[in-house]
Amino acid sequence: MNKAFCEVTISCVNLKEADYIADHLLKNKFVACTEISPFIARYWWRGKIVGEERYRIISFSQLALKDKIIRAVKKLHSDEVPGIVFTAIEANEDFLKWIKESTRKA
């Protein structure tokens, strides 16, 4: 498995925040693309189960950019503990080449 590439999933509080973070990541070439979709989240927070509509950014990048992505998201995100998940991916070579060409040199 090629562990140089990843899918990045980020949970956001609203569409405005998701758009802002996605645009920042793209403009800085930290990710090759973004997809934004709404979802219903249920989770533990400060001893209670919370449920709310949120927005998810799914993007593709190089694992070597992980620290830069985390720093950028933490700086822009309104959550005290933003969810930023990196999953190594396998994909067709031309897709991986496109990710590498569309992001910063890692």
Protein backbone atom coordinates (compact mmCIF):
# COMPACT_ATOMS: atom_id res chain seq x y z
CA MET A 1 0.00 0.00 0.00
CA ASN A 2 1.27 3.46 -0.92
CA LYS A 3 1.24 5.45 2.33
CA ALA A 4 2.25 8.75 0.74
CA PHE A 5 -1.32 9.84 0.00
CA CYS A 6 -4.38 10.33 2.16
CA GLU A 7 -8.01 11.29 2.41
CA VAL A 8 -8.52 14.13 4.88
CA THR A 9 -11.89 14.44 6.65
CA ILE A 10 -12.73 17.59 8.61
CA SER A 11 -15.96 18.24 10.52
CA CYS A 12 -17.19 21.87 10.55
CA VAL A 13 -19.93 23.68 12.48
CA ASN A 14 -21.60 25.25 9.43
CA LEU A 15 -21.32 25.67 5.67
CA LYS A 16 -19.65 29.08 5.92
CA GLU A 17 -16.84 27.63 8.05
CA ALA A 18 -16.47 24.59 5.76
CA ASP A 19 -16.22 26.82 2.68
CA TYR A 20 -13.67 29.08 4.38
CA ILE A 21 -11.45 26.21 5.53
CA ALA A 22 -11.75 24.36 2.20
CA ASP A 23 -10.80 27.48 0.22
CA HIS A 24 -7.82 28.13 2.51
CA LEU A 25 -6.54 24.56 2.12
CA LEU A 26 -6.92 24.73 -1.67
CA LYS A 27 -5.34 28.18 -2.07
CA ASN A 28 -2.31 27.06 -0.04
CA LYS A 29 -2.09 23.81 -2.05
CA PHE A 30 -2.40 21.68 1.08
CA VAL A 31 -5.10 19.60 -0.64
CA ALA A 32 -5.88 18.77 -4.28
CA CYS A 33 -9.66 19.03 -4.02
CA THR A 34 -12.51 19.33 -1.52
CA GLU A 35 -16.02 17.95 -1.27
CA ILE A 36 -18.42 19.47 1.26
CA SER A 37 -21.59 17.75 2.47
CA PRO A 38 -24.03 18.13 5.38
CA PHE A 39 -24.51 15.42 8.01
CA ILE A 40 -26.08 14.89 11.43
CA ALA A 41 -23.54 14.42 14.21
CA ARG A 42 -24.15 12.85 17.62
CA TYR A 43 -21.27 12.83 20.06
CA TRP A 44 -20.18 13.14 23.67
CA TRP A 45 -19.22 16.66 24.78
CA ARG A 46 -18.66 17.67 28.39
CA GLY A 47 -20.63 14.77 29.81
CA LYS A 48 -23.66 15.05 27.50
CA ILE A 49 -24.70 13.60 24.18
CA VAL A 50 -25.02 16.41 21.66
CA GLY A 51 -26.75 16.22 18.28
CA GLU A 52 -26.53 18.81 15.52
CA GLU A 53 -26.24 19.38 11.81
CA ARG A 54 -22.64 19.83 10.71
CA TYR A 55 -20.66 19.89 7.48
CA ARG A 56 -17.91 17.52 6.40
CA ILE A 57 -14.99 18.40 4.17
CA ILE A 58 -13.48 15.43 2.38
CA SER A 59 -10.25 16.11 0.51
CA PHE A 60 -7.18 14.37 -0.87
CA SER A 61 -3.57 15.22 -0.14
CA GLN A 62 -0.10 13.92 0.64
CA LEU A 63 0.50 12.54 4.15
CA ALA A 64 3.66 14.66 4.29
CA LEU A 65 1.41 17.75 4.46
CA LYS A 66 -0.44 16.47 7.54
CA ASP A 67 1.15 18.88 10.06
CA LYS A 68 0.55 21.91 7.82
CA ILE A 69 -3.10 20.91 7.36
CA ILE A 70 -3.60 20.41 11.10
CA ARG A 71 -2.05 23.80 11.94
CA ALA A 72 -4.15 25.59 9.31
CA VAL A 73 -7.42 23.95 10.37
CA LYS A 74 -6.83 24.57 14.09
CA LYS A 75 -6.13 28.24 13.34
CA LEU A 76 -9.34 28.69 11.29
CA HIS A 77 -11.76 26.32 13.05
CA SER A 78 -14.27 27.43 15.69
CA ASP A 79 -14.38 24.08 17.56
CA GLU A 80 -12.26 23.69 20.67
CA VAL A 81 -11.33 20.19 19.43
CA PRO A 82 -11.73 20.07 15.63
CA GLY A 83 -12.00 16.63 14.07
CA ILE A 84 -9.25 16.23 11.46
CA VAL A 85 -8.84 12.63 10.29
CA PHE A 86 -6.17 11.31 7.90
CA THR A 87 -6.66 7.97 6.17
CA ALA A 88 -3.96 6.49 3.93
CA ILE A 89 -5.37 5.65 0.50
CA GLU A 90 -4.68 3.35 -2.41
CA ALA A 91 -5.82 4.63 -5.79
CA ASN A 92 -5.09 4.51 -9.48
CA GLU A 93 -1.67 5.94 -10.33
CA ASP A 94 -2.95 8.81 -12.48
CA PHE A 95 -5.17 10.01 -9.60
CA LEU A 96 -2.23 9.88 -7.17
CA LYS A 97 -0.06 11.72 -9.69
CA TRP A 98 -2.76 14.42 -9.95
CA ILE A 99 -2.84 14.79 -6.15
CA LYS A 100 0.94 15.17 -6.06
CA GLU A 101 0.95 17.73 -8.89
CA SER A 102 -1.94 19.70 -7.33
CA THR A 103 -0.42 20.05 -3.85
CA ARG A 104 2.75 21.56 -2.42
CA LYS A 105 5.99 19.68 -2.66
CA ALA A 106 6.11 17.60 0.47
